[in-house]
Amino acid sequence: MLQNAVFLHNFGELPIRRPNRAPPAATKDGPRTNDEIRNAQIQLIDQNGTNHGTVETVLAVKMALEAGMDLVEISPNNNPPVCKIMDYGKFKYSAQKKAAEARKKQKVVEIKEIKLRPMIDDHDYDVKMRAMQRFFEEGDKVKITLRYRGREMAHQEIGTKLLDKVKADVAEFAKVEQDARFEGRQVVMVLAPR
């Protein structure tokens, strides 16, 4: 018993040895520049847009540095890769601006929900229809939820007529994407802008 205690005591003092692993190489976002270009020869386009044909990479880097600019790999998949002498900072900045502009122009289609009741009043119906039309103009889809309460389940034809009226009223600026279907005590229909 005493022997085991000594063994555990000595074992606890040993440092834990982990295998040596090199840290993962940092992946660079964007094109390779200057000395990062590993190919012996490249297709060179200078800062004025003139194509110099196939050139040694070392010579091209020297030309770029003499011009006070960078050698940037434009299309790495070609053989030899196409590189251009340019100001890399300006290139990166303009690429970021383009990406931001593209994100700004994207429209995320949302699904807005309009809740109705079978015995809805005319004015309430008109207010919901105006909201629905505004959603369609903004390019959003509309989910119409018609909810039955208590004994209204016995008169489902009233709800069906109401949904048919909604379809007819929005026919000019929306189409039915998902027809009316029951989900428990409610009927759900999805409309999408034309």
C-alpha atoms as a PDB file:
ATOM      1  CA  MET A   1       0.000   0.000   0.000  1.00  0.00           C
ATOM      2  CA  LEU A   2       2.842   2.325   0.918  1.00  0.00           C
ATOM      3  CA  GLN A   3       4.564   1.509  -2.370  1.00  0.00           C
ATOM      4  CA  ASN A   4       1.507   2.662  -4.385  1.00  0.00           C
ATOM      5  CA  ALA A   5       1.381   5.958  -2.493  1.00  0.00           C
ATOM      6  CA  VAL A   6       5.035   6.657  -3.342  1.00  0.00           C
ATOM      7  CA  PHE A   7       4.402   5.759  -6.983  1.00  0.00           C
ATOM      8  CA  LEU A   8       1.447   8.158  -7.220  1.00  0.00           C
ATOM      9  CA  HIS A   9       3.408  10.890  -5.446  1.00  0.00           C
ATOM     10  CA  ASN A  10       6.312  10.604  -7.901  1.00  0.00           C
ATOM     11  CA  PHE A  11       3.962  10.352 -10.872  1.00  0.00           C
ATOM     12  CA  GLY A  12       2.290  13.641  -9.955  1.00  0.00           C
ATOM     13  CA  GLU A  13       5.607  15.506 -10.214  1.00  0.00           C
ATOM     14  CA  LEU A  14       6.324  14.527 -13.824  1.00  0.00           C
ATOM     15  CA  PRO A  15       5.559  17.215 -16.382  1.00  0.00           C
ATOM     16  CA  ILE A  16       2.913  16.325 -18.945  1.00  0.00           C
ATOM     17  CA  ARG A  17       4.569  15.868 -22.306  1.00  0.00           C
ATOM     18  CA  ARG A  18       2.635  16.866 -25.380  1.00  0.00           C
ATOM     19  CA  PRO A  19       3.747  16.076 -28.934  1.00  0.00           C
ATOM     20  CA  ASN A  20       5.440  18.916 -30.790  1.00  0.00           C
ATOM     21  CA  ARG A  21       3.162  20.324 -33.448  1.00  0.00           C
ATOM     22  CA  ALA A  22       3.957  23.294 -35.609  1.00  0.00           C
ATOM     23  CA  PRO A  23       1.353  26.038 -35.352  1.00  0.00           C
ATOM     24  CA  PRO A  24      -0.937  26.175 -38.394  1.00  0.00           C
ATOM     25  CA  ALA A  25       0.354  28.439 -41.130  1.00  0.00           C
ATOM     26  CA  ALA A  26      -1.397  31.800 -41.091  1.00  0.00           C
ATOM     27  CA  THR A  27      -3.550  31.965 -44.195  1.00  0.00           C
ATOM     28  CA  LYS A  28      -3.287  35.288 -45.955  1.00  0.00           C
ATOM     29  CA  ASP A  29      -6.458  36.857 -47.228  1.00  0.00           C
ATOM     30  CA  GLY A  30      -6.154  38.355 -50.661  1.00  0.00           C
ATOM     31  CA  PRO A  31      -3.610  37.885 -53.456  1.00  0.00           C
ATOM     32  CA  ARG A  32       0.085  37.162 -52.965  1.00  0.00           C
ATOM     33  CA  THR A  33       2.449  40.106 -53.324  1.00  0.00           C
ATOM     34  CA  ASN A  34       6.164  40.701 -54.037  1.00  0.00           C
ATOM     35  CA  ASP A  35       8.315  37.993 -52.374  1.00  0.00           C
ATOM     36  CA  GLU A  36       5.288  35.785 -51.589  1.00  0.00           C
ATOM     37  CA  ILE A  37       5.018  34.890 -55.296  1.00  0.00           C
ATOM     38  CA  ARG A  38       6.829  31.536 -55.547  1.00  0.00           C
ATOM     39  CA  ASN A  39       6.739  30.949 -59.324  1.00  0.00           C
ATOM     40  CA  ALA A  40      10.008  31.373 -61.246  1.00  0.00           C
ATOM     41  CA  GLN A  41       8.299  33.139 -64.148  1.00  0.00           C
ATOM     42  CA  ILE A  42       5.159  35.252 -64.372  1.00  0.00           C
ATOM     43  CA  GLN A  43       3.075  37.065 -66.972  1.00  0.00           C
ATOM     44  CA  LEU A  44       3.775  40.771 -66.201  1.00  0.00           C
ATOM     45  CA  ILE A  45       1.481  43.755 -66.675  1.00  0.00           C
ATOM     46  CA  ASP A  46       3.039  47.064 -65.639  1.00  0.00           C
ATOM     47  CA  GLN A  47       1.375  50.002 -63.867  1.00  0.00           C
ATOM     48  CA  ASN A  48       0.311  51.537 -67.213  1.00  0.00           C
ATOM     49  CA  GLY A  49      -1.448  48.331 -68.322  1.00  0.00           C
ATOM     50  CA  THR A  50       1.243  47.276 -70.821  1.00  0.00           C
ATOM     51  CA  ASN A  51       1.709  43.515 -71.132  1.00  0.00           C
ATOM     52  CA  HIS A  52       5.424  42.584 -70.943  1.00  0.00           C
ATOM     53  CA  GLY A  53       4.839  38.871 -71.559  1.00  0.00           C
ATOM     54  CA  THR A  54       6.632  36.176 -69.543  1.00  0.00           C
ATOM     55  CA  VAL A  55       9.218  37.695 -67.178  1.00  0.00           C
ATOM     56  CA  GLU A  56      11.409  36.323 -64.349  1.00  0.00           C
ATOM     57  CA  THR A  57       9.712  36.942 -60.986  1.00  0.00           C
ATOM     58  CA  VAL A  58      12.861  38.416 -59.423  1.00  0.00           C
ATOM     59  CA  LEU A  59      13.127  40.967 -62.247  1.00  0.00           C
ATOM     60  CA  ALA A  60       9.418  41.835 -61.976  1.00  0.00           C
ATOM     61  CA  VAL A  61       9.691  42.424 -58.191  1.00  0.00           C
ATOM     62  CA  LYS A  62      12.725  44.668 -58.816  1.00  0.00           C
ATOM     63  CA  MET A  63      10.753  46.660 -61.440  1.00  0.00           C
ATOM     64  CA  ALA A  64       7.844  47.081 -59.016  1.00  0.00           C
ATOM     65  CA  LEU A  65      10.093  48.301 -56.190  1.00  0.00           C
ATOM     66  CA  GLU A  66      11.827  50.773 -58.547  1.00  0.00           C
ATOM     67  CA  ALA A  67       8.376  52.152 -59.471  1.00  0.00           C
ATOM     68  CA  GLY A  68       7.581  52.466 -55.737  1.00  0.00           C
ATOM     69  CA  MET A  69       4.754  49.941 -56.028  1.00  0.00           C
ATOM     70  CA  ASP A  70       4.010  46.261 -55.395  1.00  0.00           C
ATOM     71  CA  LEU A  71       3.872  43.210 -57.635  1.00  0.00           C
ATOM     72  CA  VAL A  72       0.405  41.713 -57.096  1.00  0.00           C
ATOM     73  CA  GLU A  73      -0.691  38.276 -58.312  1.00  0.00           C
ATOM     74  CA  ILE A  74      -3.944  38.944 -60.190  1.00  0.00           C
ATOM     75  CA  SER A  75      -4.804  35.488 -61.520  1.00  0.00           C
ATOM     76  CA  PRO A  76      -2.813  32.725 -59.775  1.00  0.00           C
ATOM     77  CA  ASN A  77      -4.441  29.815 -61.653  1.00  0.00           C
ATOM     78  CA  ASN A  78      -2.977  30.722 -65.055  1.00  0.00           C
ATOM     79  CA  ASN A  79       0.282  29.173 -66.220  1.00  0.00           C
ATOM     80  CA  PRO A  80       2.389  31.310 -65.738  1.00  0.00           C
ATOM     81  CA  PRO A  81       0.361  33.361 -63.199  1.00  0.00           C
ATOM     82  CA  VAL A  82      -0.590  36.900 -64.220  1.00  0.00           C
ATOM     83  CA  CYS A  83       0.885  39.629 -62.006  1.00  0.00           C
ATOM     84  CA  LYS A  84       0.482  43.387 -62.152  1.00  0.00           C
ATOM     85  CA  ILE A  85       2.569  46.254 -60.826  1.00  0.00           C
ATOM     86  CA  MET A  86       0.244  48.389 -58.696  1.00  0.00           C
ATOM     87  CA  ASP A  87      -0.205  50.083 -55.333  1.00  0.00           C
ATOM     88  CA  TYR A  88      -1.426  47.153 -53.194  1.00  0.00           C
ATOM     89  CA  GLY A  89      -2.895  49.432 -50.513  1.00  0.00           C
ATOM     90  CA  LYS A  90      -5.121  51.192 -53.061  1.00  0.00           C
ATOM     91  CA  PHE A  91      -6.060  47.832 -54.604  1.00  0.00           C
ATOM     92  CA  LYS A  92      -7.116  46.431 -51.227  1.00  0.00           C
ATOM     93  CA  TYR A  93      -9.051  49.603 -50.366  1.00  0.00           C
ATOM     94  CA  SER A  94     -10.990  49.567 -53.649  1.00  0.00           C
ATOM     95  CA  ALA A  95     -11.776  45.849 -53.198  1.00  0.00           C
ATOM     96  CA  GLN A  96     -13.181  46.574 -49.719  1.00  0.00           C
ATOM     97  CA  LYS A  97     -15.264  49.445 -51.116  1.00  0.00           C
ATOM     98  CA  LYS A  98     -16.711  47.172 -53.828  1.00  0.00           C
ATOM     99  CA  ALA A  99     -17.548  44.464 -51.287  1.00  0.00           C
ATOM    100  CA  ALA A 100     -19.255  46.999 -49.006  1.00  0.00           C
ATOM    101  CA  GLU A 101     -21.250  48.379 -51.938  1.00  0.00           C
ATOM    102  CA  ALA A 102     -22.357  44.870 -52.931  1.00  0.00           C
ATOM    103  CA  ARG A 103     -23.460  44.140 -49.347  1.00  0.00           C
ATOM    104  CA  LYS A 104     -25.412  47.391 -49.265  1.00  0.00           C
ATOM    105  CA  LYS A 105     -27.337  46.462 -52.420  1.00  0.00           C
ATOM    106  CA  GLN A 106     -28.330  43.027 -51.112  1.00  0.00           C
ATOM    107  CA  LYS A 107     -31.936  42.733 -50.011  1.00  0.00           C
ATOM    108  CA  VAL A 108     -32.784  40.134 -47.403  1.00  0.00           C
ATOM    109  CA  VAL A 109     -36.316  38.851 -47.996  1.00  0.00           C
ATOM    110  CA  GLU A 110     -38.166  38.736 -44.717  1.00  0.00           C
ATOM    111  CA  ILE A 111     -41.422  36.979 -43.948  1.00  0.00           C
ATOM    112  CA  LYS A 112     -43.852  39.376 -42.276  1.00  0.00           C
ATOM    113  CA  GLU A 113     -46.875  37.959 -40.479  1.00  0.00           C
ATOM    114  CA  ILE A 114     -50.418  39.305 -40.598  1.00  0.00           C
ATOM    115  CA  LYS A 115     -52.857  37.761 -38.128  1.00  0.00           C
ATOM    116  CA  LEU A 116     -56.550  37.654 -38.994  1.00  0.00           C
ATOM    117  CA  ARG A 117     -59.711  36.407 -37.311  1.00  0.00           C
ATOM    118  CA  PRO A 118     -62.710  34.963 -39.213  1.00  0.00           C
ATOM    119  CA  MET A 119     -65.097  37.699 -37.960  1.00  0.00           C
ATOM    120  CA  ILE A 120     -62.718  40.645 -38.684  1.00  0.00           C
ATOM    121  CA  ASP A 121     -64.302  44.095 -39.032  1.00  0.00           C
ATOM    122  CA  ASP A 122     -64.126  45.908 -42.410  1.00  0.00           C
ATOM    123  CA  HIS A 123     -61.927  48.749 -41.119  1.00  0.00           C
ATOM    124  CA  ASP A 124     -59.506  46.348 -39.420  1.00  0.00           C
ATOM    125  CA  TYR A 125     -59.343  44.352 -42.646  1.00  0.00           C
ATOM    126  CA  ASP A 126     -58.519  47.510 -44.650  1.00  0.00           C
ATOM    127  CA  VAL A 127     -55.723  48.453 -42.210  1.00  0.00           C
ATOM    128  CA  LYS A 128     -54.197  44.943 -42.506  1.00  0.00           C
ATOM    129  CA  MET A 129     -54.457  45.090 -46.309  1.00  0.00           C
ATOM    130  CA  ARG A 130     -52.591  48.444 -46.413  1.00  0.00           C
ATOM    131  CA  ALA A 131     -49.845  46.969 -44.214  1.00  0.00           C
ATOM    132  CA  MET A 132     -49.692  43.921 -46.466  1.00  0.00           C
ATOM    133  CA  GLN A 133     -49.363  46.099 -49.578  1.00  0.00           C
ATOM    134  CA  ARG A 134     -46.519  48.054 -47.936  1.00  0.00           C
ATOM    135  CA  PHE A 135     -44.712  44.763 -47.153  1.00  0.00           C
ATOM    136  CA  PHE A 136     -45.029  43.648 -50.790  1.00  0.00           C
ATOM    137  CA  GLU A 137     -43.669  47.005 -52.025  1.00  0.00           C
ATOM    138  CA  GLU A 138     -40.628  46.531 -49.769  1.00  0.00           C
ATOM    139  CA  GLY A 139     -40.093  43.091 -51.370  1.00  0.00           C
ATOM    140  CA  ASP A 140     -41.037  41.014 -48.316  1.00  0.00           C
ATOM    141  CA  LYS A 141     -43.177  37.888 -48.200  1.00  0.00           C
ATOM    142  CA  VAL A 142     -46.322  37.848 -46.059  1.00  0.00           C
ATOM    143  CA  LYS A 143     -47.534  34.952 -43.939  1.00  0.00           C
ATOM    144  CA  ILE A 144     -51.245  35.209 -43.214  1.00  0.00           C
ATOM    145  CA  THR A 145     -52.382  33.418 -40.076  1.00  0.00           C
ATOM    146  CA  LEU A 146     -56.135  32.984 -39.653  1.00  0.00           C
ATOM    147  CA  ARG A 147     -56.889  31.880 -36.115  1.00  0.00           C
ATOM    148  CA  TYR A 148     -60.091  30.173 -34.993  1.00  0.00           C
ATOM    149  CA  ARG A 149     -61.247  30.425 -31.378  1.00  0.00           C
ATOM    150  CA  GLY A 150     -63.751  28.231 -29.600  1.00  0.00           C
ATOM    151  CA  ARG A 151     -66.910  27.600 -31.612  1.00  0.00           C
ATOM    152  CA  GLU A 152     -65.543  29.374 -34.697  1.00  0.00           C
ATOM    153  CA  MET A 153     -64.096  25.974 -35.718  1.00  0.00           C
ATOM    154  CA  ALA A 154     -67.656  24.909 -36.569  1.00  0.00           C
ATOM    155  CA  HIS A 155     -67.852  27.669 -39.230  1.00  0.00           C
ATOM    156  CA  GLN A 156     -64.612  27.223 -41.157  1.00  0.00           C
ATOM    157  CA  GLU A 157     -66.262  28.343 -44.399  1.00  0.00           C
ATOM    158  CA  ILE A 158     -66.220  31.948 -43.082  1.00  0.00           C
ATOM    159  CA  GLY A 159     -62.429  31.787 -42.764  1.00  0.00           C
ATOM    160  CA  THR A 160     -62.097  30.187 -46.205  1.00  0.00           C
ATOM    161  CA  LYS A 161     -64.154  33.019 -47.754  1.00  0.00           C
ATOM    162  CA  LEU A 162     -61.960  35.575 -45.975  1.00  0.00           C
ATOM    163  CA  LEU A 163     -58.751  34.009 -47.337  1.00  0.00           C
ATOM    164  CA  ASP A 164     -60.260  33.903 -50.859  1.00  0.00           C
ATOM    165  CA  LYS A 165     -61.093  37.616 -50.486  1.00  0.00           C
ATOM    166  CA  VAL A 166     -57.481  38.332 -49.429  1.00  0.00           C
ATOM    167  CA  LYS A 167     -56.158  36.408 -52.472  1.00  0.00           C
ATOM    168  CA  ALA A 168     -58.441  38.386 -54.791  1.00  0.00           C
ATOM    169  CA  ASP A 169     -57.521  41.755 -53.214  1.00  0.00           C
ATOM    170  CA  VAL A 170     -53.748  41.226 -53.499  1.00  0.00           C
ATOM    171  CA  ALA A 171     -53.797  39.413 -56.873  1.00  0.00           C
ATOM    172  CA  GLU A 172     -52.377  42.410 -58.781  1.00  0.00           C
ATOM    173  CA  PHE A 173     -49.227  42.811 -56.640  1.00  0.00           C
ATOM    174  CA  ALA A 174     -48.733  39.378 -55.021  1.00  0.00           C
ATOM    175  CA  LYS A 175     -48.988  35.681 -55.795  1.00  0.00           C
ATOM    176  CA  VAL A 176     -49.747  32.700 -53.573  1.00  0.00           C
ATOM    177  CA  GLU A 177     -46.504  30.927 -52.695  1.00  0.00           C
ATOM    178  CA  GLN A 178     -48.006  28.434 -50.258  1.00  0.00           C
ATOM    179  CA  ASP A 179     -51.720  27.770 -50.337  1.00  0.00           C
ATOM    180  CA  ALA A 180     -53.846  27.789 -47.179  1.00  0.00           C
ATOM    181  CA  ARG A 181     -53.324  24.796 -44.890  1.00  0.00           C
ATOM    182  CA  PHE A 182     -54.462  23.910 -41.392  1.00  0.00           C
ATOM    183  CA  GLU A 183     -52.043  23.903 -38.468  1.00  0.00           C
ATOM    184  CA  GLY A 184     -54.106  23.008 -35.421  1.00  0.00           C
ATOM    185  CA  ARG A 185     -56.666  25.767 -34.783  1.00  0.00           C
ATOM    186  CA  GLN A 186     -55.217  28.123 -37.398  1.00  0.00           C
ATOM    187  CA  VAL A 187     -54.903  28.333 -41.172  1.00  0.00           C
ATOM    188  CA  VAL A 188     -51.597  29.543 -42.666  1.00  0.00           C
ATOM    189  CA  MET A 189     -51.046  30.972 -46.163  1.00  0.00           C
ATOM    190  CA  VAL A 190     -47.871  32.554 -47.582  1.00  0.00           C
ATOM    191  CA  LEU A 191     -47.940  35.257 -50.257  1.00  0.00           C
ATOM    192  CA  ALA A 192     -44.932  36.570 -52.204  1.00  0.00           C
ATOM    193  CA  PRO A 193     -44.570  39.822 -54.166  1.00  0.00           C
ATOM    194  CA  ARG A 194     -44.830  39.615 -57.963  1.00  0.00           C
END
